[in-house]
Structure formats: structure tokens, C-alpha cells
Amino acid sequence: MFSEVLNIAIQSAQRNNRKFAVLFIDLDHFKVINDTLGHEAGDKLLREMGTRIRDTVRTSDVVARLSGDEFVVLVQEVGESDQVETVAHKILSTVIEPMVINGQECQVSASVGISMYPADAQTEQSLMKNADIAMYHAKEAGKNTFKFYSRDTCVQSLRQSP
């Protein structure tokens, strides 16, 4: 379903000469919660994180859970990247707030990768791939942060790979 919504956003942005962003969110340390408290606790945490993320963005934006501990957000109609930075900061702040599951206080953080339309990509697949690449750069930078996709960073990473 998110794929369909993203494709519609691309078509609309092309027609109206608008920008939007795709944020790829991966929860840091989720596996620890799942392994220590069990899958039921992990499921509760995922539902809570989905609700928190949804409540953080505008009603016109779209939040979806992709798989496991990965979420994606379509931030529609943005002017400049600083607007997207504000959204990313809000998401990081809301995700890291502790929650109680089965009487146990739990806390996770998130790594967020951001891909901008049309600057970074013009297709659904490329936008998602670039946001995912940026998310891995956020994890490499120490987690609990966000990174924008950058062709330069991507090329540099490819050169450093064995």
C-alpha cells in the first residue's frame, strides 16, 4: 500500500512541481527487547512506536511499517530540507522516550535515513533505496541520529568497500 501512495505522491509532485521526503526509520536495539522480553513485548513496542511516529507527523503525511523494526514516512509538500530535519528531530525525540512493557521500562532509539524528491531520486524504488542507504549511514554515525542521502557519501562508501 505504501508503494501505491508513494507513486501517487511522485505523480502529484511532478504535476505540481513540489518536493517531498521519504524517511526510512530503523529502531536501534530492538533485537535486545525482542530477545530479552519476548516477541509479544516486541510486538507491543512496535505498535507503540508506530503510534508515536504517526502522532509526530502531520495528518497529510503517511507512516507505514515495512517489516521487522523498519518504518517509513512520506513527508509531503516540503519546501526545504530544514523542514524535514525538524520532522526527523521530532521522530527521534518521541521514539527514545521510555515505555513500560510487562512492568519493565524499555527504551530504544532510531536511525533515520532521508531521501528527497526530486533532488535524490525520481522513482519509488530509488527513493526507498537512497533513504535506506542514508539510514545505514546514520547507524554508522552512532545511531539515534538522521542522515540525508548524499551521492558523494554513497560513492565514498562504495570506494571504501573491500
Protein backbone atom coordinates (compact mmCIF):
# COMPACT_ATOMS: atom_id res chain seq x y z
CA MET A 1 0.00 0.00 0.00
CA PHE A 2 2.83 2.41 0.83
CA SER A 3 4.26 1.78 -2.63
CA GLU A 4 1.00 2.93 -4.22
CA VAL A 5 0.83 6.04 -2.04
CA LEU A 6 4.46 6.89 -2.87
CA ASN A 7 3.83 6.51 -6.60
CA ILE A 8 0.81 8.81 -6.36
CA ALA A 9 2.95 11.34 -4.46
CA ILE A 10 5.57 11.20 -7.23
CA GLN A 11 2.95 11.84 -9.92
CA SER A 12 1.41 14.70 -7.95
CA ALA A 13 4.81 16.27 -7.21
CA GLN A 14 5.74 16.07 -10.90
CA ARG A 15 2.49 17.76 -11.96
CA ASN A 16 2.66 20.47 -9.31
CA ASN A 17 6.44 20.96 -9.18
CA ARG A 18 6.63 20.08 -5.47
CA LYS A 19 9.12 18.40 -3.18
CA PHE A 20 8.66 15.67 -0.59
CA ALA A 21 10.81 13.42 1.54
CA VAL A 22 10.97 9.73 2.34
CA LEU A 23 12.26 8.88 5.82
CA PHE A 24 13.44 5.32 6.40
CA ILE A 25 13.42 4.54 10.13
CA ASP A 26 15.09 1.56 11.78
CA LEU A 27 14.77 1.04 15.52
CA ASP A 28 18.12 0.69 17.28
CA HIS A 29 18.50 -2.16 19.79
CA PHE A 30 15.05 -3.62 19.05
CA LYS A 31 16.51 -7.13 18.92
CA VAL A 32 17.56 -6.80 22.58
CA ILE A 33 13.94 -6.12 23.60
CA ASN A 34 12.67 -9.00 21.48
CA ASP A 35 15.31 -11.42 22.80
CA THR A 36 15.08 -10.48 26.49
CA LEU A 37 11.36 -9.77 26.93
CA GLY A 38 9.94 -11.94 24.14
CA HIS A 39 8.15 -11.41 20.86
CA GLU A 40 4.89 -10.31 22.48
CA ALA A 41 6.74 -7.47 24.19
CA GLY A 42 8.48 -6.67 20.91
CA ASP A 43 5.10 -6.50 19.16
CA LYS A 44 3.80 -4.10 21.83
CA LEU A 45 6.86 -1.92 21.37
CA LEU A 46 6.39 -1.87 17.58
CA ARG A 47 2.74 -0.85 17.92
CA GLU A 48 3.68 1.91 20.34
CA MET A 49 6.45 3.17 18.05
CA GLY A 50 4.08 3.19 15.08
CA THR A 51 1.58 5.24 17.08
CA ARG A 52 4.26 7.63 18.32
CA ILE A 53 5.63 8.21 14.82
CA ARG A 54 2.14 8.69 13.38
CA ASP A 55 1.27 11.18 16.13
CA THR A 56 4.50 13.12 15.46
CA VAL A 57 3.90 13.86 11.78
CA ARG A 58 1.14 15.83 10.07
CA THR A 59 -2.10 14.08 9.17
CA SER A 60 -1.25 14.59 5.48
CA ASP A 61 1.96 12.57 5.91
CA VAL A 62 1.95 8.78 5.62
CA VAL A 63 3.51 6.31 8.07
CA ALA A 64 3.93 2.61 7.30
CA ARG A 65 5.69 -0.31 8.91
CA LEU A 66 7.72 -2.10 6.29
CA SER A 67 8.95 -5.17 8.13
CA GLY A 68 10.54 -6.11 11.40
CA ASP A 69 11.55 -2.89 13.11
CA GLU A 70 11.55 -0.71 9.99
CA PHE A 71 9.14 2.13 9.37
CA VAL A 72 8.87 4.59 6.52
CA VAL A 73 7.36 8.07 6.46
CA LEU A 74 6.31 10.08 3.44
CA VAL A 75 6.58 13.76 4.38
CA GLN A 76 4.55 15.52 1.75
CA GLU A 77 4.96 19.01 0.37
CA VAL A 78 8.17 20.21 1.94
CA GLY A 79 9.90 23.39 0.90
CA GLU A 80 13.44 22.88 2.12
CA SER A 81 15.47 20.23 3.89
CA ASP A 82 15.34 22.11 7.21
CA GLN A 83 11.62 21.27 7.41
CA VAL A 84 12.50 17.60 7.07
CA GLU A 85 15.24 17.97 9.70
CA THR A 86 12.59 19.24 12.11
CA VAL A 87 10.44 16.17 11.44
CA ALA A 88 13.43 13.84 11.90
CA HIS A 89 14.34 15.50 15.23
CA LYS A 90 10.74 15.11 16.43
CA ILE A 91 10.68 11.44 15.47
CA LEU A 92 13.99 10.76 17.24
CA SER A 93 12.73 12.57 20.35
CA THR A 94 9.47 10.66 20.53
CA VAL A 95 10.99 7.24 19.81
CA ILE A 96 13.63 7.50 22.54
CA GLU A 97 11.10 8.22 25.31
CA PRO A 98 10.99 5.19 27.63
CA MET A 99 7.92 2.98 27.80
CA VAL A 100 6.84 0.25 30.19
CA ILE A 101 6.20 -3.22 28.79
CA ASN A 102 5.20 -6.04 31.13
CA GLY A 103 6.34 -3.98 34.10
CA GLN A 104 9.77 -3.39 32.58
CA GLU A 105 10.96 0.04 31.42
CA CYS A 106 12.22 -0.17 27.85
CA GLN A 107 13.96 2.34 25.66
CA VAL A 108 15.03 2.21 22.04
CA SER A 109 16.35 4.85 19.70
CA ALA A 110 16.14 5.15 15.94
CA SER A 111 18.35 5.69 12.93
CA VAL A 112 16.70 7.69 10.17
CA GLY A 113 17.69 7.98 6.52
CA ILE A 114 16.20 10.70 4.35
CA SER A 115 15.79 10.85 0.60
CA MET A 116 14.36 13.96 -1.06
CA TYR A 117 12.23 14.11 -4.21
CA PRO A 118 13.24 15.20 -6.82
CA ALA A 119 16.84 16.01 -5.80
CA ASP A 120 17.86 12.48 -4.76
CA ALA A 121 15.63 10.33 -6.94
CA GLN A 122 12.51 10.38 -9.09
CA THR A 123 11.26 6.80 -8.78
CA GLU A 124 9.75 4.87 -5.90
CA GLN A 125 12.49 2.25 -5.92
CA SER A 126 15.31 4.82 -6.00
CA LEU A 127 13.78 6.98 -3.27
CA MET A 128 13.41 3.97 -0.98
CA LYS A 129 16.89 2.65 -1.77
CA ASN A 130 18.51 6.05 -1.16
CA ALA A 131 16.65 6.55 2.12
CA ASP A 132 17.80 3.07 3.19
CA ILE A 133 21.41 3.90 2.29
CA ALA A 134 21.18 7.12 4.31
CA MET A 135 19.73 5.17 7.26
CA TYR A 136 22.77 2.87 7.26
CA HIS A 137 25.00 5.95 7.34
CA ALA A 138 23.03 7.16 10.38
CA LYS A 139 23.67 3.79 12.09
CA GLU A 140 27.38 4.04 11.24
CA ALA A 141 27.43 7.55 12.73
CA GLY A 142 26.47 6.14 16.13
CA LYS A 143 22.69 5.59 15.88
CA ASN A 144 19.96 7.79 17.34
CA THR A 145 20.50 10.27 14.51
CA PHE A 146 19.46 11.00 10.96
CA LYS A 147 21.33 11.41 7.70
CA PHE A 148 20.28 12.79 4.35
CA TYR A 149 21.13 10.75 1.28
CA SER A 150 24.18 12.12 -0.49
CA ARG A 151 25.56 10.85 -3.78
CA ASP A 152 29.03 11.86 -2.55
CA THR A 153 28.70 9.80 0.63
CA CYS A 154 27.34 6.86 -1.35
CA VAL A 155 30.26 6.94 -3.84
CA GLN A 156 32.74 7.34 -0.97
CA SER A 157 31.25 4.30 0.81
CA LEU A 158 31.48 2.22 -2.37
CA ARG A 159 35.16 3.15 -2.73
CA GLN A 160 35.87 2.09 0.87
CA SER A 161 34.17 -1.31 0.49
CA PRO A 162 36.57 -4.27 0.18
